[in-house]
PDB file of N, CA and C in Angstrom:
ATOM      1  N   MET A   1     -40.025  -8.385 185.936  1.00  0.00           N
ATOM      2  CA  MET A   1     -40.426  -7.155 184.793  1.00  0.00           C
ATOM      3  C   MET A   1     -41.862  -6.748 185.367  1.00  0.00           C
ATOM      4  N   ALA A   2     -42.116  -5.768 185.434  1.00  0.00           N
ATOM      5  CA  ALA A   2     -43.372  -4.793 185.657  1.00  0.00           C
ATOM      6  C   ALA A   2     -44.579  -5.574 184.939  1.00  0.00           C
ATOM      7  N   GLU A   3     -45.671  -5.908 185.370  1.00  0.00           N
ATOM      8  CA  GLU A   3     -46.999  -6.300 184.823  1.00  0.00           C
ATOM      9  C   GLU A   3     -47.847  -5.053 184.401  1.00  0.00           C
ATOM     10  N   SER A   4     -48.360  -5.077 183.423  1.00  0.00           N
ATOM     11  CA  SER A   4     -49.306  -3.922 183.394  1.00  0.00           C
ATOM     12  C   SER A   4     -50.048  -3.770 184.397  1.00  0.00           C
ATOM     13  N   CYS A   5     -50.872  -4.777 184.944  1.00  0.00           N
ATOM     14  CA  CYS A   5     -51.708  -4.385 186.029  1.00  0.00           C
ATOM     15  C   CYS A   5     -50.933  -3.940 187.266  1.00  0.00           C
ATOM     16  N   GLN A   6     -49.765  -3.985 187.438  1.00  0.00           N
ATOM     17  CA  GLN A   6     -49.024  -3.878 188.390  1.00  0.00           C
ATOM     18  C   GLN A   6     -48.430  -2.176 188.158  1.00  0.00           C
ATOM     19  N   LEU A   7     -48.194  -1.803 186.874  1.00  0.00           N
ATOM     20  CA  LEU A   7     -47.744  -0.383 186.119  1.00  0.00           C
ATOM     21  C   LEU A   7     -49.035   0.325 186.229  1.00  0.00           C
ATOM     22  N   THR A   8     -50.227   0.071 186.233  1.00  0.00           N
ATOM     23  CA  THR A   8     -51.406   1.277 186.556  1.00  0.00           C
ATOM     24  C   THR A   8     -51.783   1.337 187.753  1.00  0.00           C
ATOM     25  N   ASP A   9     -51.236   0.640 188.904  1.00  0.00           N
ATOM     26  CA  ASP A   9     -51.027   1.270 190.390  1.00  0.00           C
ATOM     27  C   ASP A   9     -49.985   1.881 190.763  1.00  0.00           C
ATOM     28  N   LYS A  10     -48.917   2.266 189.671  1.00  0.00           N
ATOM     29  CA  LYS A  10     -47.440   3.278 189.964  1.00  0.00           C
ATOM     30  C   LYS A  10     -47.885   4.560 189.420  1.00  0.00           C
ATOM     31  N   LYS A  11     -47.051   5.614 190.036  1.00  0.00           N
ATOM     32  CA  LYS A  11     -47.492   6.962 189.967  1.00  0.00           C
ATOM     33  C   LYS A  11     -45.838   7.214 188.917  1.00  0.00           C
ATOM     34  N   CYS A  12     -46.161   7.949 187.753  1.00  0.00           N
ATOM     35  CA  CYS A  12     -44.808   8.662 187.410  1.00  0.00           C
ATOM     36  C   CYS A  12     -44.195   9.200 188.388  1.00  0.00           C
ATOM     37  N   LYS A  13     -42.714   8.998 188.170  1.00  0.00           N
ATOM     38  CA  LYS A  13     -41.778   9.710 189.021  1.00  0.00           C
ATOM     39  C   LYS A  13     -41.181  10.860 188.074  1.00  0.00           C
ATOM     40  N   PRO A  14     -40.978  12.031 188.569  1.00  0.00           N
ATOM     41  CA  PRO A  14     -40.494  13.070 187.494  1.00  0.00           C
ATOM     42  C   PRO A  14     -38.821  12.567 187.076  1.00  0.00           C
ATOM     43  N   CYS A  15     -38.336  12.554 186.153  1.00  0.00           N
ATOM     44  CA  CYS A  15     -37.263  12.401 185.790  1.00  0.00           C
ATOM     45  C   CYS A  15     -36.871  13.554 185.007  1.00  0.00           C
ATOM     46  N   GLU A  16     -35.589  14.288 185.768  1.00  0.00           N
ATOM     47  CA  GLU A  16     -34.805  15.448 185.238  1.00  0.00           C
ATOM     48  C   GLU A  16     -33.477  14.891 184.202  1.00  0.00           C
ATOM     49  N   GLY A  17     -33.385  13.803 184.178  1.00  0.00           N
ATOM     50  CA  GLY A  17     -32.094  13.055 183.683  1.00  0.00           C
ATOM     51  C   GLY A  17     -31.083  12.383 184.407  1.00  0.00           C
ATOM     52  N   GLY A  18     -30.249  12.461 184.074  1.00  0.00           N
ATOM     53  CA  GLY A  18     -29.176  11.337 185.058  1.00  0.00           C
ATOM     54  C   GLY A  18     -29.489   9.942 185.012  1.00  0.00           C
ATOM     55  N   VAL A  19     -30.154   9.296 184.549  1.00  0.00           N
ATOM     56  CA  VAL A  19     -30.233   7.661 184.774  1.00  0.00           C
ATOM     57  C   VAL A  19     -30.414   7.339 183.350  1.00  0.00           C
ATOM     58  N   ASP A  20     -30.026   5.974 183.016  1.00  0.00           N
ATOM     59  CA  ASP A  20     -30.020   5.558 181.838  1.00  0.00           C
ATOM     60  C   ASP A  20     -31.427   4.990 180.946  1.00  0.00           C
ATOM     61  N   PRO A  21     -31.479   5.221 180.020  1.00  0.00           N
ATOM     62  CA  PRO A  21     -32.825   4.630 179.356  1.00  0.00           C
ATOM     63  C   PRO A  21     -33.282   2.853 179.769  1.00  0.00           C
ATOM     64  N   ILE A  22     -34.110   2.672 179.738  1.00  0.00           N
ATOM     65  CA  ILE A  22     -34.247   0.965 179.943  1.00  0.00           C
ATOM     66  C   ILE A  22     -33.870   0.406 178.620  1.00  0.00           C
ATOM     67  N   ALA A  23     -32.998  -0.716 178.731  1.00  0.00           N
ATOM     68  CA  ALA A  23     -32.741  -1.255 177.863  1.00  0.00           C
ATOM     69  C   ALA A  23     -33.712  -1.908 176.588  1.00  0.00           C
ATOM     70  N   ALA A  24     -33.071  -2.030 175.474  1.00  0.00           N
ATOM     71  CA  ALA A  24     -34.282  -2.713 174.421  1.00  0.00           C
ATOM     72  C   ALA A  24     -34.484  -3.772 174.588  1.00  0.00           C
ATOM     73  N   ASP A  25     -33.888  -4.674 175.434  1.00  0.00           N
ATOM     74  CA  ASP A  25     -34.388  -6.055 175.735  1.00  0.00           C
ATOM     75  C   ASP A  25     -35.402  -6.216 176.538  1.00  0.00           C
ATOM     76  N   ASP A  26     -34.940  -4.975 177.789  1.00  0.00           N
ATOM     77  CA  ASP A  26     -36.028  -5.018 178.722  1.00  0.00           C
ATOM     78  C   ASP A  26     -37.382  -4.368 178.233  1.00  0.00           C
ATOM     79  N   ALA A  27     -37.495  -3.323 177.209  1.00  0.00           N
ATOM     80  CA  ALA A  27     -38.663  -2.772 176.787  1.00  0.00           C
ATOM     81  C   ALA A  27     -39.510  -3.567 176.046  1.00  0.00           C
ATOM     82  N   LYS A  28     -38.979  -4.471 175.623  1.00  0.00           N
ATOM     83  CA  LYS A  28     -39.298  -5.527 174.698  1.00  0.00           C
ATOM     84  C   LYS A  28     -40.396  -6.347 175.500  1.00  0.00           C
ATOM     85  N   LYS A  29     -39.618  -6.679 176.860  1.00  0.00           N
ATOM     86  CA  LYS A  29     -40.508  -7.829 177.732  1.00  0.00           C
ATOM     87  C   LYS A  29     -41.421  -7.036 178.178  1.00  0.00           C
ATOM     88  N   MET A  30     -41.371  -5.546 178.809  1.00  0.00           N
ATOM     89  CA  MET A  30     -42.518  -5.082 179.261  1.00  0.00           C
ATOM     90  C   MET A  30     -43.517  -4.654 178.401  1.00  0.00           C
ATOM     91  N   LEU A  31     -42.885  -4.609 176.744  1.00  0.00           N
ATOM     92  CA  LEU A  31     -44.261  -4.368 175.544  1.00  0.00           C
ATOM     93  C   LEU A  31     -45.044  -5.841 175.859  1.00  0.00           C
ATOM     94  N   GLY A  32     -44.703  -6.552 176.004  1.00  0.00           N
ATOM     95  CA  GLY A  32     -45.400  -8.045 176.091  1.00  0.00           C
ATOM     96  C   GLY A  32     -46.708  -7.849 177.120  1.00  0.00           C
ATOM     97  N   GLU A  33     -46.832  -6.997 177.581  1.00  0.00           N
ATOM     98  CA  GLU A  33     -47.819  -6.738 178.624  1.00  0.00           C
ATOM     99  C   GLU A  33     -48.753  -5.461 178.447  1.00  0.00           C
ATOM    100  N   LEU A  34     -48.516  -5.284 176.897  1.00  0.00           N
ATOM    101  CA  LEU A  34     -49.115  -3.859 176.303  1.00  0.00           C
ATOM    102  C   LEU A  34     -49.720  -4.177 174.699  1.00  0.00           C
ATOM    103  N   PRO A  35     -50.897  -4.778 174.820  1.00  0.00           N
ATOM    104  CA  PRO A  35     -51.259  -5.393 173.420  1.00  0.00           C
ATOM    105  C   PRO A  35     -51.188  -3.890 172.429  1.00  0.00           C
ATOM    106  N   GLY A  36     -50.507  -4.262 171.490  1.00  0.00           N
ATOM    107  CA  GLY A  36     -50.863  -3.295 170.523  1.00  0.00           C
ATOM    108  C   GLY A  36     -49.815  -2.597 170.239  1.00  0.00           C
ATOM    109  N   TRP A  37     -48.844  -2.223 171.376  1.00  0.00           N
ATOM    110  CA  TRP A  37     -47.762  -1.033 171.762  1.00  0.00           C
ATOM    111  C   TRP A  37     -46.778  -1.858 170.893  1.00  0.00           C
ATOM    112  N   LYS A  38     -45.817  -0.735 170.371  1.00  0.00           N
ATOM    113  CA  LYS A  38     -44.580  -1.256 169.580  1.00  0.00           C
ATOM    114  C   LYS A  38     -43.379  -0.144 169.855  1.00  0.00           C
ATOM    115  N   LEU A  39     -42.523  -1.038 169.689  1.00  0.00           N
ATOM    116  CA  LEU A  39     -41.093  -0.040 170.231  1.00  0.00           C
ATOM    117  C   LEU A  39     -41.016   0.208 168.772  1.00  0.00           C
ATOM    118  N   MET A  40     -40.493   1.561 168.579  1.00  0.00           N
ATOM    119  CA  MET A  40     -40.059   1.932 167.576  1.00  0.00           C
ATOM    120  C   MET A  40     -38.635   3.099 167.618  1.00  0.00           C
ATOM    121  N   GLY A  41     -37.447   2.488 167.827  1.00  0.00           N
ATOM    122  CA  GLY A  41     -36.459   2.903 167.829  1.00  0.00           C
ATOM    123  C   GLY A  41     -36.674   3.645 169.473  1.00  0.00           C
ATOM    124  N   ASN A  42     -36.467   4.589 169.864  1.00  0.00           N
ATOM    125  CA  ASN A  42     -36.439   5.070 171.234  1.00  0.00           C
ATOM    126  C   ASN A  42     -37.557   5.531 171.851  1.00  0.00           C
ATOM    127  N   LYS A  43     -38.719   5.293 171.232  1.00  0.00           N
ATOM    128  CA  LYS A  43     -40.058   5.299 171.760  1.00  0.00           C
ATOM    129  C   LYS A  43     -40.847   3.976 172.000  1.00  0.00           C
ATOM    130  N   ILE A  44     -41.853   4.161 172.463  1.00  0.00           N
ATOM    131  CA  ILE A  44     -43.121   2.988 172.158  1.00  0.00           C
ATOM    132  C   ILE A  44     -44.402   4.062 171.631  1.00  0.00           C
ATOM    133  N   GLU A  45     -44.894   3.193 171.007  1.00  0.00           N
ATOM    134  CA  GLU A  45     -45.907   3.735 170.305  1.00  0.00           C
ATOM    135  C   GLU A  45     -47.271   2.601 170.167  1.00  0.00           C
ATOM    136  N   LYS A  46     -48.456   3.402 169.749  1.00  0.00           N
ATOM    137  CA  LYS A  46     -49.768   2.869 169.341  1.00  0.00           C
ATOM    138  C   LYS A  46     -50.540   3.457 168.897  1.00  0.00           C
ATOM    139  N   GLU A  47     -51.415   2.996 167.647  1.00  0.00           N
ATOM    140  CA  GLU A  47     -52.117   3.960 166.717  1.00  0.00           C
ATOM    141  C   GLU A  47     -53.859   3.410 167.582  1.00  0.00           C
ATOM    142  N   TYR A  48     -54.866   3.999 167.633  1.00  0.00           N
ATOM    143  CA  TYR A  48     -56.109   3.789 168.053  1.00  0.00           C
ATOM    144  C   TYR A  48     -56.902   4.183 166.952  1.00  0.00           C
ATOM    145  N   GLN A  49     -58.053   3.474 166.985  1.00  0.00           N
ATOM    146  CA  GLN A  49     -58.997   3.782 165.633  1.00  0.00           C
ATOM    147  C   GLN A  49     -60.454   4.198 166.437  1.00  0.00           C
ATOM    148  N   PHE A  50     -60.861   5.309 166.154  1.00  0.00           N
ATOM    149  CA  PHE A  50     -62.492   5.456 166.239  1.00  0.00           C
ATOM    150  C   PHE A  50     -63.348   5.481 165.556  1.00  0.00           C
ATOM    151  N   LYS A  51     -64.816   5.773 165.861  1.00  0.00           N
ATOM    152  CA  LYS A  51     -65.830   5.932 165.079  1.00  0.00           C
ATOM    153  C   LYS A  51     -65.790   7.017 164.072  1.00  0.00           C
ATOM    154  N   ASP A  52     -65.130   8.054 164.564  1.00  0.00           N
ATOM    155  CA  ASP A  52     -65.181   9.158 164.173  1.00  0.00           C
ATOM    156  C   ASP A  52     -64.178  10.127 164.787  1.00  0.00           C
ATOM    157  N   PHE A  53     -64.274  11.354 164.335  1.00  0.00           N
ATOM    158  CA  PHE A  53     -63.216  12.392 165.041  1.00  0.00           C
ATOM    159  C   PHE A  53     -63.670  12.802 166.136  1.00  0.00           C
ATOM    160  N   VAL A  54     -65.123  13.106 166.694  1.00  0.00           N
ATOM    161  CA  VAL A  54     -65.524  13.304 168.002  1.00  0.00           C
ATOM    162  C   VAL A  54     -65.009  12.572 169.055  1.00  0.00           C
ATOM    163  N   LYS A  55     -65.320  11.069 168.421  1.00  0.00           N
ATOM    164  CA  LYS A  55     -64.743  10.188 169.425  1.00  0.00           C
ATOM    165  C   LYS A  55     -63.070  10.270 169.798  1.00  0.00           C
ATOM    166  N   ALA A  56     -62.243  10.304 168.697  1.00  0.00           N
ATOM    167  CA  ALA A  56     -60.890  10.292 168.471  1.00  0.00           C
ATOM    168  C   ALA A  56     -60.565  11.837 169.675  1.00  0.00           C
ATOM    169  N   ILE A  57     -61.374  13.009 169.358  1.00  0.00           N
ATOM    170  CA  ILE A  57     -60.727  13.620 170.452  1.00  0.00           C
ATOM    171  C   ILE A  57     -61.280  13.678 171.679  1.00  0.00           C
ATOM    172  N   ALA A  58     -62.544  12.956 171.833  1.00  0.00           N
ATOM    173  CA  ALA A  58     -62.918  12.826 173.349  1.00  0.00           C
ATOM    174  C   ALA A  58     -61.942  11.931 173.859  1.00  0.00           C
ATOM    175  N   PHE A  59     -61.160  10.751 173.159  1.00  0.00           N
ATOM    176  CA  PHE A  59     -59.766  10.016 173.818  1.00  0.00           C
ATOM    177  C   PHE A  59     -58.757  11.259 174.033  1.00  0.00           C
ATOM    178  N   VAL A  60     -58.259  11.766 173.048  1.00  0.00           N
ATOM    179  CA  VAL A  60     -57.380  12.585 173.652  1.00  0.00           C
ATOM    180  C   VAL A  60     -57.540  13.478 174.818  1.00  0.00           C
ATOM    181  N   ASN A  61     -58.678  13.812 174.840  1.00  0.00           N
ATOM    182  CA  ASN A  61     -59.041  14.658 176.042  1.00  0.00           C
ATOM    183  C   ASN A  61     -59.115  14.225 177.580  1.00  0.00           C
ATOM    184  N   GLN A  62     -59.598  12.601 177.382  1.00  0.00           N
ATOM    185  CA  GLN A  62     -59.007  11.844 178.645  1.00  0.00           C
ATOM    186  C   GLN A  62     -57.325  11.465 178.434  1.00  0.00           C
ATOM    187  N   LEU A  63     -56.548  11.304 177.835  1.00  0.00           N
ATOM    188  CA  LEU A  63     -55.340  11.176 177.811  1.00  0.00           C
ATOM    189  C   LEU A  63     -54.668  12.295 178.278  1.00  0.00           C
ATOM    190  N   ALA A  64     -55.150  13.663 177.538  1.00  0.00           N
ATOM    191  CA  ALA A  64     -54.231  15.059 178.382  1.00  0.00           C
ATOM    192  C   ALA A  64     -54.872  14.844 179.760  1.00  0.00           C
ATOM    193  N   GLU A  65     -55.612  14.653 180.307  1.00  0.00           N
ATOM    194  CA  GLU A  65     -56.152  14.393 182.122  1.00  0.00           C
ATOM    195  C   GLU A  65     -55.273  13.652 182.458  1.00  0.00           C
ATOM    196  N   LEU A  66     -55.114  12.136 181.514  1.00  0.00           N
ATOM    197  CA  LEU A  66     -54.147  11.182 182.618  1.00  0.00           C
ATOM    198  C   LEU A  66     -52.852  12.095 182.380  1.00  0.00           C
ATOM    199  N   ALA A  67     -52.124  12.462 181.180  1.00  0.00           N
ATOM    200  CA  ALA A  67     -51.215  12.898 181.248  1.00  0.00           C
ATOM    201  C   ALA A  67     -50.793  14.198 182.363  1.00  0.00           C
ATOM    202  N   GLU A  68     -51.464  14.810 182.321  1.00  0.00           N
ATOM    203  CA  GLU A  68     -51.122  16.123 183.301  1.00  0.00           C
ATOM    204  C   GLU A  68     -51.138  15.111 184.994  1.00  0.00           C
ATOM    205  N   SER A  69     -51.972  14.507 185.254  1.00  0.00           N
ATOM    206  CA  SER A  69     -51.872  14.050 186.516  1.00  0.00           C
ATOM    207  C   SER A  69     -50.978  13.165 186.659  1.00  0.00           C
ATOM    208  N   GLU A  70     -50.351  12.674 185.408  1.00  0.00           N
ATOM    209  CA  GLU A  70     -49.048  11.915 186.043  1.00  0.00           C
ATOM    210  C   GLU A  70     -47.667  12.424 185.813  1.00  0.00           C
ATOM    211  N   GLY A  71     -48.042  13.792 185.308  1.00  0.00           N
ATOM    212  CA  GLY A  71     -46.889  14.786 185.122  1.00  0.00           C
ATOM    213  C   GLY A  71     -45.680  13.960 183.929  1.00  0.00           C
ATOM    214  N   HIS A  72     -46.442  13.007 183.063  1.00  0.00           N
ATOM    215  CA  HIS A  72     -45.708  12.755 182.265  1.00  0.00           C
ATOM    216  C   HIS A  72     -46.466  12.540 180.558  1.00  0.00           C
ATOM    217  N   HIS A  73     -46.098  13.771 179.872  1.00  0.00           N
ATOM    218  CA  HIS A  73     -46.911  13.701 178.561  1.00  0.00           C
ATOM    219  C   HIS A  73     -46.337  12.898 177.181  1.00  0.00           C
ATOM    220  N   PRO A  74     -47.007  12.359 176.591  1.00  0.00           N
ATOM    221  CA  PRO A  74     -47.203  11.576 175.475  1.00  0.00           C
ATOM    222  C   PRO A  74     -46.941  12.575 174.192  1.00  0.00           C
ATOM    223  N   ASP A  75     -46.498  12.356 172.865  1.00  0.00           N
ATOM    224  CA  ASP A  75     -46.732  12.982 171.649  1.00  0.00           C
ATOM    225  C   ASP A  75     -47.981  12.256 171.087  1.00  0.00           C
ATOM    226  N   ILE A  76     -48.993  13.291 170.676  1.00  0.00           N
ATOM    227  CA  ILE A  76     -49.853  12.885 170.202  1.00  0.00           C
ATOM    228  C   ILE A  76     -50.242  13.117 168.905  1.00  0.00           C
ATOM    229  N   SER A  77     -50.947  12.595 167.801  1.00  0.00           N
ATOM    230  CA  SER A  77     -51.365  12.889 166.540  1.00  0.00           C
ATOM    231  C   SER A  77     -52.606  12.515 166.289  1.00  0.00           C
ATOM    232  N   VAL A  78     -53.363  13.238 165.680  1.00  0.00           N
ATOM    233  CA  VAL A  78     -54.938  13.009 165.390  1.00  0.00           C
ATOM    234  C   VAL A  78     -55.004  13.046 163.586  1.00  0.00           C
ATOM    235  N   HIS A  79     -55.487  11.785 163.425  1.00  0.00           N
ATOM    236  CA  HIS A  79     -55.799  12.151 161.654  1.00  0.00           C
ATOM    237  C   HIS A  79     -57.159  11.414 161.720  1.00  0.00           C
ATOM    238  N   TYR A  80     -58.414  12.556 161.649  1.00  0.00           N
ATOM    239  CA  TYR A  80     -59.768  11.957 161.524  1.00  0.00           C
ATOM    240  C   TYR A  80     -60.033  11.172 162.966  1.00  0.00           C
ATOM    241  N   ASN A  81     -60.139  10.039 162.522  1.00  0.00           N
ATOM    242  CA  ASN A  81     -60.323   8.829 163.342  1.00  0.00           C
ATOM    243  C   ASN A  81     -59.535   8.331 164.141  1.00  0.00           C
ATOM    244  N   LYS A  82     -58.507   8.454 163.728  1.00  0.00           N
ATOM    245  CA  LYS A  82     -57.208   7.838 164.568  1.00  0.00           C
ATOM    246  C   LYS A  82     -56.393   8.777 165.192  1.00  0.00           C
ATOM    247  N   VAL A  83     -55.869   8.131 166.078  1.00  0.00           N
ATOM    248  CA  VAL A  83     -54.678   8.738 167.225  1.00  0.00           C
ATOM    249  C   VAL A  83     -53.464   8.029 167.217  1.00  0.00           C
ATOM    250  N   LEU A  84     -52.507   8.660 167.130  1.00  0.00           N
ATOM    251  CA  LEU A  84     -51.436   8.186 167.377  1.00  0.00           C
ATOM    252  C   LEU A  84     -50.759   8.429 168.709  1.00  0.00           C
ATOM    253  N   VAL A  85     -50.606   7.639 169.304  1.00  0.00           N
ATOM    254  CA  VAL A  85     -49.659   8.197 170.908  1.00  0.00           C
ATOM    255  C   VAL A  85     -48.259   7.270 170.762  1.00  0.00           C
ATOM    256  N   SER A  86     -47.177   8.655 170.945  1.00  0.00           N
ATOM    257  CA  SER A  86     -46.063   8.059 171.310  1.00  0.00           C
ATOM    258  C   SER A  86     -45.527   8.528 172.705  1.00  0.00           C
ATOM    259  N   LEU A  87     -44.625   7.520 173.439  1.00  0.00           N
ATOM    260  CA  LEU A  87     -44.235   7.675 174.292  1.00  0.00           C
ATOM    261  C   LEU A  87     -42.753   7.441 174.436  1.00  0.00           C
ATOM    262  N   TRP A  88     -41.859   8.445 174.912  1.00  0.00           N
ATOM    263  CA  TRP A  88     -40.613   8.504 175.386  1.00  0.00           C
ATOM    264  C   TRP A  88     -39.976   9.415 176.203  1.00  0.00           C
ATOM    265  N   THR A  89     -39.001   9.116 177.142  1.00  0.00           N
ATOM    266  CA  THR A  89     -38.931  10.294 178.356  1.00  0.00           C
ATOM    267  C   THR A  89     -37.957  10.833 177.612  1.00  0.00           C
ATOM    268  N   HIS A  90     -38.095  12.253 177.392  1.00  0.00           N
ATOM    269  CA  HIS A  90     -37.160  13.392 176.699  1.00  0.00           C
ATOM    270  C   HIS A  90     -35.853  13.839 177.486  1.00  0.00           C
ATOM    271  N   ALA A  91     -36.055  13.596 178.636  1.00  0.00           N
ATOM    272  CA  ALA A  91     -34.761  14.174 179.785  1.00  0.00           C
ATOM    273  C   ALA A  91     -33.362  12.841 179.863  1.00  0.00           C
ATOM    274  N   ILE A  92     -34.023  11.909 178.954  1.00  0.00           N
ATOM    275  CA  ILE A  92     -33.241  10.827 178.908  1.00  0.00           C
ATOM    276  C   ILE A  92     -32.600  10.108 177.631  1.00  0.00           C
ATOM    277  N   GLY A  93     -33.548  10.788 176.580  1.00  0.00           N
ATOM    278  CA  GLY A  93     -33.319  10.193 175.295  1.00  0.00           C
ATOM    279  C   GLY A  93     -33.893   9.020 175.181  1.00  0.00           C
ATOM    280  N   GLY A  94     -34.705   8.323 175.912  1.00  0.00           N
ATOM    281  CA  GLY A  94     -35.082   7.166 175.412  1.00  0.00           C
ATOM    282  C   GLY A  94     -36.349   6.788 176.748  1.00  0.00           C
ATOM    283  N   LEU A  95     -36.513   5.352 176.591  1.00  0.00           N
ATOM    284  CA  LEU A  95     -37.649   4.993 177.874  1.00  0.00           C
ATOM    285  C   LEU A  95     -37.235   4.934 179.356  1.00  0.00           C
ATOM    286  N   SER A  96     -38.151   5.157 180.068  1.00  0.00           N
ATOM    287  CA  SER A  96     -38.348   5.100 181.218  1.00  0.00           C
ATOM    288  C   SER A  96     -39.171   4.173 181.678  1.00  0.00           C
ATOM    289  N   GLU A  97     -39.587   4.004 182.800  1.00  0.00           N
ATOM    290  CA  GLU A  97     -40.870   3.060 183.454  1.00  0.00           C
ATOM    291  C   GLU A  97     -42.036   3.838 183.279  1.00  0.00           C
ATOM    292  N   ASN A  98     -41.889   5.557 183.517  1.00  0.00           N
ATOM    293  CA  ASN A  98     -43.072   6.263 183.552  1.00  0.00           C
ATOM    294  C   ASN A  98     -43.787   5.899 181.950  1.00  0.00           C
ATOM    295  N   ASP A  99     -42.820   6.104 181.099  1.00  0.00           N
ATOM    296  CA  ASP A  99     -43.839   5.686 179.799  1.00  0.00           C
ATOM    297  C   ASP A  99     -44.646   4.244 179.796  1.00  0.00           C
ATOM    298  N   PHE A 100     -44.262   3.651 180.060  1.00  0.00           N
ATOM    299  CA  PHE A 100     -45.000   2.259 180.307  1.00  0.00           C
ATOM    300  C   PHE A 100     -45.929   2.064 181.240  1.00  0.00           C
ATOM    301  N   ILE A 101     -45.971   2.993 182.224  1.00  0.00           N
ATOM    302  CA  ILE A 101     -47.105   3.277 182.984  1.00  0.00           C
ATOM    303  C   ILE A 101     -47.858   4.384 182.476  1.00  0.00           C
ATOM    304  N   VAL A 102     -47.601   5.231 181.784  1.00  0.00           N
ATOM    305  CA  VAL A 102     -48.698   6.066 181.047  1.00  0.00           C
ATOM    306  C   VAL A 102     -49.306   5.196 179.626  1.00  0.00           C
ATOM    307  N   ALA A 103     -48.607   4.172 178.964  1.00  0.00           N
ATOM    308  CA  ALA A 103     -49.102   3.312 178.169  1.00  0.00           C
ATOM    309  C   ALA A 103     -49.991   2.703 178.835  1.00  0.00           C
ATOM    310  N   ALA A 104     -49.893   1.782 179.937  1.00  0.00           N
ATOM    311  CA  ALA A 104     -50.591   0.761 180.666  1.00  0.00           C
ATOM    312  C   ALA A 104     -52.039   1.710 180.773  1.00  0.00           C
ATOM    313  N   LYS A 105     -52.058   2.955 181.559  1.00  0.00           N
ATOM    314  CA  LYS A 105     -52.743   3.797 182.112  1.00  0.00           C
ATOM    315  C   LYS A 105     -54.089   4.043 180.635  1.00  0.00           C
ATOM    316  N   THR A 106     -53.240   4.275 179.637  1.00  0.00           N
ATOM    317  CA  THR A 106     -54.019   4.713 178.660  1.00  0.00           C
ATOM    318  C   THR A 106     -54.767   3.837 177.713  1.00  0.00           C
ATOM    319  N   GLU A 107     -54.209   2.208 178.357  1.00  0.00           N
ATOM    320  CA  GLU A 107     -55.475   1.247 178.028  1.00  0.00           C
ATOM    321  C   GLU A 107     -56.509   1.032 178.591  1.00  0.00           C
ATOM    322  N   THR A 108     -56.579   1.863 179.704  1.00  0.00           N
ATOM    323  CA  THR A 108     -58.101   1.756 180.639  1.00  0.00           C
ATOM    324  C   THR A 108     -58.637   2.807 180.367  1.00  0.00           C
ATOM    325  N   LEU A 109     -58.331   3.716 179.279  1.00  0.00           N
ATOM    326  CA  LEU A 109     -59.161   5.011 178.889  1.00  0.00           C
ATOM    327  C   LEU A 109     -60.677   4.376 177.941  1.00  0.00           C
ATOM    328  N   GLY A 110     -61.616   5.117 177.997  1.00  0.00           N
ATOM    329  CA  GLY A 110     -62.508   4.396 177.481  1.00  0.00           C
ATOM    330  C   GLY A 110     -62.944   5.209 176.634  1.00  0.00           C
TER     331      GLY A 110
END
């Protein structure tokens, strides 16, 4: 199974469907390398907390740039100083390696 340091070295691959989602057991193993991320049905999620709204939005802006560069976009919810990041691969209705790549790279944002 891929480790987070390996995931941060990878680039997301376009996914147009036609592949099976990652099995729940494999997803749980991969999550072991991503502190604070949780398996929520067919998604992985993590809530980040910041000092204030401005810091939360700065994080969202960094995440938006990361998502654009990877071509893989999370669902993002902002609640004043909290940001909930949800990842799943819409084209397959579940998790792909891309979700774990973006999650691992999200952990590197400052």
